[in-house]
Amino acid sequence: MMLGSLRRLAVVFLILVIVSGVLSGCLGSGSVKEKIEKKIEVSKPQIISVSHRWGEITPSTSEIITEIVVSNPNPIPIPIKNISVHIYMNGIDMGEGKNIGPASLAAKSNTTIIISTKLNNAKIPEWWVSHLKNGEVSKISLKGTITFDLKIFDFNWPFEQSSEIRTNLVDSFVMDDVPLEFDLKLMTVTFYVSMRSHWGKVTSDSTEIIHNVEITNPTLVPLPITNIGYEIFMNDIKVGEGVIEESKIIAPKSSDKLEFVTLIDNNALDDWWVSHLQNGEETTVEMKLYLILNIKGVGEIKVQIPKGTIKTEIKTNILGS
């Protein structure tokens, strides 16, 4: 108790010295207010550096560790009254943080303040929708305020760091004259598929990818397509699958077009997010497609799109480090 009282007295004494110095320097020309602010500014803490890194990644939260190096020019410690930190992704408040390090600044030295911010993984689907609706662009902002207790007044230091995520996912779902083949009794039938894709309807639950396909049949055998099946993987995590009924006959020596829609299950994206961070912010996206043909006299034949044909990479630097 006595030590605490002595420290409080020391703080009061320092403040009186600063104030008396300020007032004694305000007798010359210029605004008194400006001179007081100039004098007080000398004793304010200074931010030396701010850095971020990923901490513990769990199925429910993603931790961001922020280290802020602060210089205290005063001969006594300065306590930290409060720290408020939030992380935003496209304006969505994804989580908040607090300090896990020192609660005061050491006298006449630099102190590293460590802040732990927990991003709520359950909000990743909401962010995903905003990311796509914003043209696959996201602004990431870490905003906070440190309040230092200077006894006669509080000194609030707001800080903010931003980074940007840009992806180009759907434009990579492309095929150009990819050969597909199947055996038909004494012959091998080869035909060709080209595809272009774009985003469709995006809701809180699912994301549509619309595929425009052209199939070229150079053979003398008609190709009656009855179904299209698909699976979508992000870092080997299945985020979509389904079978689409399709009725299209590609006549011999001709080409024809068809359109189909695949769906990403947004509710699976929080699991993908964890894998993305644990993999150094890298993701491999792969779509597996197959066609079902009903050949007269043979029955159903499943023709798989060659593995790796529809594949792309996502790389991010969310913390801007």
Protein backbone atom coordinates (compact mmCIF):
# COMPACT_ATOMS: atom_id res chain seq x y z
CA MET A 1 0.00 0.00 0.00
CA MET A 2 2.76 2.44 0.93
CA LEU A 3 4.58 1.76 -2.35
CA GLY A 4 1.40 2.45 -4.32
CA SER A 5 0.84 5.71 -2.43
CA LEU A 6 4.39 6.81 -3.13
CA ARG A 7 3.94 6.13 -6.83
CA ARG A 8 0.73 8.16 -6.94
CA LEU A 9 2.49 11.02 -5.17
CA ALA A 10 5.32 10.79 -7.70
CA VAL A 11 2.83 11.02 -10.56
CA VAL A 12 1.16 14.05 -9.03
CA PHE A 13 4.56 15.65 -8.49
CA LEU A 14 5.54 15.03 -12.12
CA ILE A 15 2.27 16.52 -13.31
CA LEU A 16 2.81 19.63 -11.17
CA VAL A 17 6.29 20.00 -12.63
CA ILE A 18 4.95 19.69 -16.19
CA VAL A 19 2.10 22.11 -15.53
CA SER A 20 4.34 24.67 -13.84
CA GLY A 21 6.78 24.38 -16.73
CA VAL A 22 3.98 24.85 -19.21
CA LEU A 23 2.64 27.93 -17.46
CA SER A 24 6.09 29.48 -17.10
CA GLY A 25 6.61 29.07 -20.85
CA CYS A 26 3.33 30.69 -21.78
CA LEU A 27 4.23 34.30 -20.95
CA GLY A 28 5.75 35.09 -24.34
CA SER A 29 4.06 35.61 -27.68
CA GLY A 30 1.61 33.11 -29.22
CA SER A 31 -1.47 31.29 -28.02
CA VAL A 32 -1.39 30.04 -24.42
CA LYS A 33 -3.41 26.99 -25.50
CA GLU A 34 -0.90 26.16 -28.23
CA LYS A 35 2.03 26.38 -25.82
CA ILE A 36 0.30 24.20 -23.23
CA GLU A 37 -0.43 21.56 -25.89
CA LYS A 38 3.16 21.75 -27.10
CA LYS A 39 4.54 21.23 -23.59
CA ILE A 40 2.20 18.35 -22.79
CA GLU A 41 2.99 16.67 -26.12
CA VAL A 42 6.59 16.18 -24.98
CA SER A 43 5.45 13.84 -22.19
CA LYS A 44 3.08 11.74 -24.27
CA PRO A 45 4.08 8.14 -25.13
CA GLN A 46 5.21 7.55 -28.71
CA ILE A 47 4.37 4.53 -30.87
CA ILE A 48 7.53 3.01 -32.33
CA SER A 49 6.13 0.08 -34.32
CA VAL A 50 3.09 -2.16 -34.86
CA SER A 51 3.23 -5.73 -36.18
CA HIS A 52 0.78 -8.64 -36.54
CA ARG A 53 1.01 -12.42 -36.77
CA TRP A 54 -1.37 -15.36 -36.55
CA GLY A 55 -1.66 -17.03 -33.16
CA GLU A 56 -3.75 -20.05 -32.21
CA ILE A 57 -6.11 -21.26 -34.95
CA THR A 58 -9.04 -23.37 -33.74
CA PRO A 59 -12.29 -24.51 -35.42
CA SER A 60 -14.12 -21.60 -33.76
CA THR A 61 -11.62 -18.73 -33.64
CA SER A 62 -8.56 -17.37 -35.44
CA GLU A 63 -6.21 -15.44 -33.18
CA ILE A 64 -4.29 -12.38 -34.34
CA ILE A 65 -1.34 -11.38 -32.16
CA THR A 66 -0.51 -7.68 -32.37
CA GLU A 67 2.71 -6.30 -30.90
CA ILE A 68 2.93 -2.55 -30.33
CA VAL A 69 6.23 -1.06 -29.19
CA VAL A 70 5.62 2.13 -27.19
CA SER A 71 8.24 4.58 -25.89
CA ASN A 72 7.61 6.30 -22.56
CA PRO A 73 9.84 9.42 -22.19
CA ASN A 74 8.73 10.08 -18.60
CA PRO A 75 10.70 9.11 -15.45
CA ILE A 76 7.75 7.16 -14.02
CA PRO A 77 5.64 4.26 -15.35
CA ILE A 78 2.37 5.11 -17.10
CA PRO A 79 -0.51 2.67 -16.57
CA ILE A 80 -2.72 1.55 -19.44
CA LYS A 81 -6.35 2.25 -18.59
CA ASN A 82 -8.02 0.41 -21.46
CA ILE A 83 -7.36 -1.30 -24.81
CA SER A 84 -10.10 -1.71 -27.40
CA VAL A 85 -9.40 -3.59 -30.64
CA HIS A 86 -11.71 -4.84 -33.42
CA ILE A 87 -11.03 -6.52 -36.75
CA TYR A 88 -13.24 -5.71 -39.74
CA MET A 89 -13.50 -7.49 -43.08
CA ASN A 90 -15.41 -5.41 -45.64
CA GLY A 91 -16.93 -3.49 -42.74
CA ILE A 92 -18.12 -6.65 -40.93
CA ASP A 93 -17.02 -6.72 -37.29
CA MET A 94 -15.33 -10.13 -37.13
CA GLY A 95 -14.05 -10.05 -33.54
CA GLU A 96 -12.46 -8.07 -30.72
CA GLY A 97 -9.27 -8.21 -28.68
CA LYS A 98 -7.53 -7.29 -25.45
CA ASN A 99 -3.99 -7.01 -24.12
CA ILE A 100 -2.22 -10.09 -22.80
CA GLY A 101 1.05 -8.36 -21.96
CA PRO A 102 2.08 -5.50 -19.61
CA ALA A 103 -0.62 -3.17 -18.31
CA SER A 104 1.73 -0.22 -17.98
CA LEU A 105 4.63 1.48 -19.75
CA ALA A 106 8.01 1.23 -18.07
CA ALA A 107 9.73 4.52 -17.20
CA LYS A 108 12.13 6.00 -19.76
CA SER A 109 12.15 2.92 -21.97
CA ASN A 110 10.29 1.01 -24.66
CA THR A 111 7.51 -1.41 -23.73
CA THR A 112 5.98 -4.05 -26.00
CA ILE A 113 2.20 -4.27 -25.64
CA ILE A 114 0.82 -7.60 -26.81
CA ILE A 115 -2.82 -7.76 -27.93
CA SER A 116 -4.80 -10.90 -28.72
CA THR A 117 -7.71 -10.44 -31.15
CA LYS A 118 -10.04 -13.39 -31.71
CA LEU A 119 -11.68 -13.54 -35.14
CA ASN A 120 -15.00 -15.41 -35.06
CA ASN A 121 -14.78 -18.14 -37.71
CA ALA A 122 -18.58 -18.48 -37.75
CA LYS A 123 -18.68 -15.09 -39.53
CA ILE A 124 -16.55 -16.31 -42.45
CA PRO A 125 -19.62 -17.23 -44.59
CA GLU A 126 -20.95 -13.67 -44.13
CA TRP A 127 -17.59 -12.25 -45.16
CA TRP A 128 -17.46 -14.61 -48.17
CA VAL A 129 -20.75 -13.20 -49.47
CA SER A 130 -19.42 -9.64 -49.12
CA HIS A 131 -16.17 -10.64 -50.82
CA LEU A 132 -17.93 -11.97 -53.91
CA LYS A 133 -20.44 -9.13 -54.09
CA ASN A 134 -17.49 -6.73 -53.96
CA GLY A 135 -15.89 -8.28 -57.04
CA GLU A 136 -13.66 -10.69 -55.08
CA VAL A 137 -12.05 -7.80 -53.19
CA SER A 138 -11.94 -7.40 -49.40
CA LYS A 139 -10.55 -4.67 -47.17
CA ILE A 140 -9.20 -5.95 -43.85
CA SER A 141 -8.89 -3.38 -41.03
CA LEU A 142 -7.59 -3.78 -37.51
CA LYS A 143 -8.79 -0.76 -35.54
CA GLY A 144 -8.04 -0.05 -31.91
CA THR A 145 -7.49 2.51 -29.18
CA ILE A 146 -5.05 2.41 -26.28
CA THR A 147 -5.99 4.67 -23.37
CA PHE A 148 -3.07 5.74 -21.18
CA ASP A 149 -3.82 6.99 -17.68
CA LEU A 150 -1.90 10.28 -17.28
CA LYS A 151 -3.83 11.06 -14.04
CA ILE A 152 -4.93 14.60 -14.90
CA PHE A 153 -6.18 13.44 -18.29
CA ASP A 154 -6.42 10.29 -20.39
CA PHE A 155 -4.32 10.04 -23.53
CA ASN A 156 -6.13 8.06 -26.25
CA TRP A 157 -3.97 6.68 -29.03
CA PRO A 158 -6.05 5.28 -31.92
CA PHE A 159 -4.30 2.97 -34.35
CA GLU A 160 -5.39 1.28 -37.56
CA GLN A 161 -3.74 -0.98 -40.09
CA SER A 162 -5.34 -2.15 -43.30
CA SER A 163 -4.66 -4.71 -45.99
CA GLU A 164 -6.53 -5.96 -49.02
CA ILE A 165 -7.51 -9.39 -50.32
CA ARG A 166 -7.97 -9.86 -54.06
CA THR A 167 -8.87 -13.20 -55.57
CA ASN A 168 -9.73 -14.37 -59.07
CA LEU A 169 -11.35 -17.70 -58.38
CA VAL A 170 -14.16 -18.22 -60.85
CA ASP A 171 -12.24 -16.98 -63.89
CA SER A 172 -9.91 -19.94 -63.44
CA PHE A 173 -12.72 -22.44 -63.93
CA VAL A 174 -11.92 -22.69 -67.63
CA MET A 175 -11.48 -25.50 -70.16
CA ASP A 176 -10.40 -25.19 -73.77
CA ASP A 177 -11.00 -28.19 -76.02
CA VAL A 178 -10.22 -30.72 -73.30
CA PRO A 179 -10.40 -34.23 -74.83
CA LEU A 180 -12.72 -36.77 -73.17
CA GLU A 181 -12.98 -40.36 -74.24
CA PHE A 182 -14.70 -43.64 -73.51
CA ASP A 183 -14.57 -47.12 -74.95
CA LEU A 184 -17.45 -48.33 -77.07
CA LYS A 185 -17.06 -51.99 -78.02
CA LEU A 186 -14.34 -52.05 -80.68
CA MET A 187 -13.65 -48.32 -80.74
CA THR A 188 -12.66 -45.40 -78.53
CA VAL A 189 -14.90 -42.36 -78.77
CA THR A 190 -13.19 -38.99 -78.25
CA PHE A 191 -14.97 -35.67 -77.96
CA TYR A 192 -13.98 -32.21 -76.69
CA VAL A 193 -15.24 -29.85 -73.99
CA SER A 194 -14.72 -26.10 -73.55
CA MET A 195 -16.07 -24.13 -70.59
CA ARG A 196 -16.30 -20.61 -69.21
CA SER A 197 -17.68 -19.80 -65.73
CA HIS A 198 -19.02 -16.85 -63.78
CA TRP A 199 -20.62 -16.21 -60.41
CA GLY A 200 -24.37 -16.57 -60.15
CA LYS A 201 -26.66 -15.85 -57.21
CA VAL A 202 -24.94 -15.47 -53.84
CA THR A 203 -26.95 -15.92 -50.63
CA SER A 204 -26.05 -16.46 -47.00
CA ASP A 205 -26.36 -20.23 -47.52
CA SER A 206 -24.93 -20.92 -50.96
CA THR A 207 -22.94 -19.57 -53.88
CA GLU A 208 -23.83 -20.31 -57.49
CA ILE A 209 -21.24 -20.85 -60.19
CA ILE A 210 -22.75 -20.76 -63.68
CA HIS A 211 -20.90 -22.76 -66.33
CA ASN A 212 -21.32 -22.27 -70.08
CA VAL A 213 -20.12 -25.37 -71.91
CA GLU A 214 -19.55 -26.19 -75.54
CA ILE A 215 -19.19 -29.86 -76.52
CA THR A 216 -17.71 -30.82 -79.88
CA ASN A 217 -18.44 -34.28 -81.22
CA PRO A 218 -16.19 -35.08 -84.22
CA THR A 219 -17.29 -38.74 -84.32
CA LEU A 220 -20.10 -40.58 -86.06
CA VAL A 221 -21.63 -41.56 -82.70
CA PRO A 222 -24.33 -39.36 -81.11
CA LEU A 223 -23.60 -38.33 -77.51
CA PRO A 224 -26.81 -38.35 -75.41
CA ILE A 225 -25.98 -36.56 -72.12
CA THR A 226 -28.40 -37.24 -69.25
CA ASN A 227 -26.61 -35.97 -66.13
CA ILE A 228 -23.69 -33.81 -64.98
CA GLY A 229 -22.10 -34.51 -61.61
CA TYR A 230 -19.70 -32.33 -59.68
CA GLU A 231 -17.65 -32.00 -56.50
CA ILE A 232 -15.87 -28.83 -55.33
CA PHE A 233 -12.90 -29.00 -52.96
CA MET A 234 -10.95 -26.25 -51.19
CA ASN A 235 -7.78 -27.66 -49.60
CA ASP A 236 -9.36 -31.12 -49.91
CA ILE A 237 -12.39 -29.94 -47.91
CA LYS A 238 -15.58 -30.65 -49.84
CA VAL A 239 -17.58 -27.43 -50.10
CA GLY A 240 -20.04 -28.51 -52.79
CA GLU A 241 -21.42 -31.53 -54.63
CA GLY A 242 -24.44 -32.51 -56.67
CA VAL A 243 -25.90 -34.14 -59.77
CA ILE A 244 -27.69 -32.04 -62.37
CA GLU A 245 -30.22 -33.56 -64.71
CA GLU A 246 -29.42 -32.64 -68.28
CA SER A 247 -31.04 -33.73 -71.52
CA LYS A 248 -28.84 -32.93 -74.48
CA ILE A 249 -27.86 -34.98 -77.52
CA ILE A 250 -24.70 -33.87 -79.30
CA ALA A 251 -25.21 -35.01 -82.88
CA PRO A 252 -22.35 -36.60 -84.87
CA LYS A 253 -19.94 -34.17 -86.52
CA SER A 254 -21.37 -31.17 -84.66
CA SER A 255 -21.07 -28.94 -81.61
CA ASP A 256 -23.68 -27.83 -79.12
CA LYS A 257 -23.87 -25.66 -76.01
CA LEU A 258 -25.36 -26.20 -72.59
CA GLU A 259 -25.43 -24.37 -69.26
CA PHE A 260 -25.41 -25.79 -65.75
CA VAL A 261 -25.05 -24.45 -62.21
CA THR A 262 -22.88 -25.77 -59.37
CA LEU A 263 -23.30 -24.71 -55.74
CA ILE A 264 -20.81 -23.96 -52.96
CA ASP A 265 -22.19 -24.63 -49.48
CA ASN A 266 -21.29 -21.44 -47.58
CA ASN A 267 -21.76 -23.23 -44.26
CA ALA A 268 -18.63 -25.28 -45.01
CA LEU A 269 -16.45 -22.22 -45.51
CA ASP A 270 -15.46 -21.76 -41.86
CA ASP A 271 -13.72 -25.17 -42.04
CA TRP A 272 -12.01 -24.07 -45.26
CA TRP A 273 -10.88 -20.83 -43.58
CA VAL A 274 -9.10 -22.76 -40.82
CA SER A 275 -7.30 -24.89 -43.44
CA HIS A 276 -6.36 -21.75 -45.40
CA LEU A 277 -4.64 -20.16 -42.39
CA GLN A 278 -3.00 -23.38 -41.26
CA ASN A 279 -1.63 -23.80 -44.79
CA GLY A 280 0.16 -20.45 -44.75
CA GLU A 281 -2.80 -18.59 -46.32
CA GLU A 282 -2.77 -20.80 -49.41
CA THR A 283 -5.67 -22.79 -50.87
CA THR A 284 -5.97 -25.21 -53.77
CA VAL A 285 -9.44 -25.12 -55.33
CA GLU A 286 -10.46 -28.04 -57.53
CA MET A 287 -13.69 -28.88 -59.29
CA LYS A 288 -14.29 -32.46 -60.37
CA LEU A 289 -16.83 -32.92 -63.15
CA TYR A 290 -18.24 -35.96 -64.88
CA LEU A 291 -20.81 -36.52 -67.61
CA ILE A 292 -23.32 -39.37 -67.72
CA LEU A 293 -24.11 -40.57 -71.25
CA ASN A 294 -26.85 -43.06 -72.03
CA ILE A 295 -25.62 -44.90 -75.12
CA LYS A 296 -28.20 -46.97 -76.95
CA GLY A 297 -27.47 -50.67 -76.64
CA VAL A 298 -24.77 -50.02 -73.99
CA GLY A 299 -26.44 -48.16 -71.17
CA GLU A 300 -25.02 -45.44 -68.93
CA ILE A 301 -21.37 -44.44 -69.26
CA LYS A 302 -19.62 -42.12 -66.80
CA VAL A 303 -17.02 -39.88 -68.41
CA GLN A 304 -14.75 -38.08 -65.93
CA ILE A 305 -13.16 -34.71 -66.70
CA PRO A 306 -9.39 -35.31 -66.35
CA LYS A 307 -8.20 -34.66 -62.78
CA GLY A 308 -6.57 -31.27 -62.33
CA THR A 309 -8.17 -29.72 -65.43
CA ILE A 310 -10.33 -27.36 -63.35
CA LYS A 311 -7.93 -26.21 -60.66
CA THR A 312 -6.73 -22.92 -59.24
CA GLU A 313 -4.79 -21.46 -56.30
CA ILE A 314 -5.74 -18.80 -53.74
CA LYS A 315 -2.96 -16.95 -51.93
CA THR A 316 -3.57 -14.12 -49.45
CA ASN A 317 -1.66 -11.87 -47.06
CA ILE A 318 -4.48 -10.87 -44.72
CA LEU A 319 -2.37 -9.23 -42.02
CA GLY A 320 -0.26 -7.33 -44.55
CA SER A 321 2.97 -8.61 -43.01
